[in-house]
Amino acid sequence: QLQAYGGGLVQAGDSLRLSCVASGRTFRNYSMGWFRQAPGKEREFVAAIDWSGKKYADSVKGRFTISRDNAKNTVYLQMNNLKPEDTADYYCAQRGTIFWDFRSPPDNWGQGTLVTVSS
C-alpha cells in the first residue's frame, strides 16, 4: 500500500513537499514515481526515481525534486516555485522493478493528495 500526504493550498511561488509511505520490506528494490491529474485532464507523469537515477517531466524540471529514504520506505516530491498550472491531485506510484518503465502503467497507486496553487 502507498499512502501519500502533504498536499494543500499555497500561493504561486511557494514550496510544498509531498511524501508517500510504502508498506513492505523490499521498498529499496522498487522504482517509485509521482503523477498528477488536473481537473478535466488526463493523469500525467511528473517524476520517477530508480536505481539509474531520476526522471522528470519537462514541465517540472528545475522546480521539482524527487528523492527517497529507503530506511523510512518513503518517497518525496519537493515542489518549488509552484505555479497555478501545478494544481492537481498528486499520486505516488510504484513499480515492482528496480528500473522505471514508461511502457506500461505502474503496478501500485496511492490515493491522491490535492495541491492547489493560487495566483
Protein backbone atom coordinates (compact mmCIF):
# COMPACT_ATOMS: atom_id res chain seq x y z
CA GLN A 1 0.00 0.00 0.00
CA LEU A 2 1.02 3.56 -0.69
CA GLN A 3 -0.04 6.46 1.50
CA ALA A 4 0.54 9.93 0.13
CA TYR A 5 0.18 13.16 2.04
CA GLY A 6 1.41 16.72 2.15
CA GLY A 7 -0.90 18.49 -0.28
CA GLY A 8 -2.50 21.81 0.48
CA LEU A 9 -3.36 25.30 -0.67
CA VAL A 10 -0.41 27.54 -1.45
CA GLN A 11 0.30 30.69 -3.39
CA ALA A 12 2.24 30.89 -6.62
CA GLY A 13 5.95 30.84 -5.93
CA ASP A 14 5.59 28.85 -2.71
CA SER A 15 7.05 25.43 -1.98
CA LEU A 16 5.47 22.21 -0.83
CA ARG A 17 6.79 18.75 -0.09
CA LEU A 18 4.75 15.64 -0.73
CA SER A 19 5.51 12.35 0.97
CA CYS A 20 4.48 8.83 0.15
CA VAL A 21 4.98 5.97 2.57
CA ALA A 22 5.02 2.42 1.23
CA SER A 23 4.38 -0.75 3.14
CA GLY A 24 6.57 -3.79 2.68
CA ARG A 25 10.12 -4.84 3.37
CA THR A 26 11.61 -4.56 -0.10
CA PHE A 27 10.98 -0.89 -0.76
CA ARG A 28 14.55 -0.32 -1.89
CA ASN A 29 14.02 -2.73 -4.78
CA TYR A 30 11.11 -0.80 -6.23
CA SER A 31 11.16 2.18 -8.53
CA MET A 32 8.87 4.98 -7.40
CA GLY A 33 7.13 7.79 -9.18
CA TRP A 34 4.74 10.69 -8.93
CA PHE A 35 1.89 11.50 -11.28
CA ARG A 36 -0.71 14.23 -11.23
CA GLN A 37 -4.17 14.79 -12.59
CA ALA A 38 -5.64 18.23 -13.03
CA PRO A 39 -9.41 18.73 -13.29
CA GLY A 40 -10.66 17.70 -16.68
CA LYS A 41 -7.27 16.37 -17.77
CA GLU A 42 -5.63 13.01 -18.02
CA ARG A 43 -3.20 11.76 -15.42
CA GLU A 44 0.35 12.70 -16.35
CA PHE A 45 3.82 11.67 -15.30
CA VAL A 46 5.70 14.05 -13.02
CA ALA A 47 8.83 12.31 -11.76
CA ALA A 48 10.37 8.93 -11.05
CA ILE A 49 13.33 7.58 -9.17
CA ASP A 50 15.04 4.27 -9.67
CA TRP A 51 18.46 2.69 -9.50
CA SER A 52 19.58 4.58 -12.60
CA GLY A 53 18.64 7.99 -11.29
CA LYS A 54 15.82 10.46 -11.52
CA LYS A 55 13.47 11.34 -14.33
CA TYR A 56 11.26 14.41 -14.69
CA ALA A 57 8.56 15.75 -16.92
CA ASP A 58 9.74 18.81 -18.82
CA SER A 59 7.10 20.94 -17.13
CA VAL A 60 8.64 20.44 -13.68
CA LYS A 61 12.36 20.19 -14.43
CA GLY A 62 14.35 22.61 -12.32
CA ARG A 63 11.45 23.16 -9.91
CA PHE A 64 10.59 19.70 -8.55
CA THR A 65 12.92 17.18 -6.95
CA ILE A 66 12.12 13.55 -6.26
CA SER A 67 14.01 11.71 -3.55
CA ARG A 68 13.63 8.67 -1.39
CA ASP A 69 14.57 7.41 2.05
CA ASN A 70 14.74 3.65 1.91
CA ALA A 71 15.08 3.39 5.69
CA LYS A 72 11.68 5.07 6.01
CA ASN A 73 10.05 3.43 3.00
CA THR A 74 9.25 6.92 1.80
CA VAL A 75 9.48 8.82 -1.46
CA TYR A 76 9.28 12.59 -1.52
CA LEU A 77 8.44 15.24 -4.07
CA GLN A 78 9.84 18.65 -3.23
CA MET A 79 7.99 21.24 -5.26
CA ASN A 80 9.45 24.73 -5.51
CA ASN A 81 8.29 27.82 -7.34
CA LEU A 82 4.81 26.40 -7.68
CA LYS A 83 2.59 27.72 -10.44
CA PRO A 84 -1.21 27.71 -10.79
CA GLU A 85 -0.84 25.13 -13.56
CA ASP A 86 0.65 22.73 -10.99
CA THR A 87 -2.77 22.50 -9.36
CA ALA A 88 -3.78 18.83 -9.40
CA ASP A 89 -4.27 15.68 -7.44
CA TYR A 90 -0.84 14.14 -6.99
CA TYR A 91 -0.44 10.36 -6.87
CA CYS A 92 2.54 8.30 -5.92
CA ALA A 93 3.13 5.10 -7.82
CA GLN A 94 5.29 2.05 -7.52
CA ARG A 95 6.74 -0.41 -9.96
CA GLY A 96 7.86 -3.85 -8.88
CA THR A 97 11.16 -3.41 -10.68
CA ILE A 98 14.36 -1.56 -9.90
CA PHE A 99 14.12 0.45 -13.12
CA TRP A 100 11.24 2.68 -14.06
CA ASP A 101 9.47 1.63 -17.25
CA PHE A 102 7.38 4.12 -19.19
CA ARG A 103 5.95 1.45 -21.50
CA SER A 104 3.40 0.18 -19.02
CA PRO A 105 1.45 1.63 -16.11
CA PRO A 106 2.74 1.35 -12.54
CA ASP A 107 1.89 -1.72 -10.50
CA ASN A 108 0.55 0.14 -7.48
CA TRP A 109 -1.03 3.52 -6.89
CA GLY A 110 -1.52 5.56 -3.78
CA GLN A 111 -4.50 7.77 -3.14
CA GLY A 112 -4.24 11.33 -4.38
CA THR A 113 -3.22 14.33 -2.37
CA LEU A 114 -4.57 17.64 -3.62
CA VAL A 115 -2.26 20.53 -4.38
CA THR A 116 -3.90 23.85 -5.12
CA VAL A 117 -1.79 26.81 -6.22
CA SER A 118 -3.47 30.20 -6.23
CA SER A 119 -2.25 33.06 -8.38
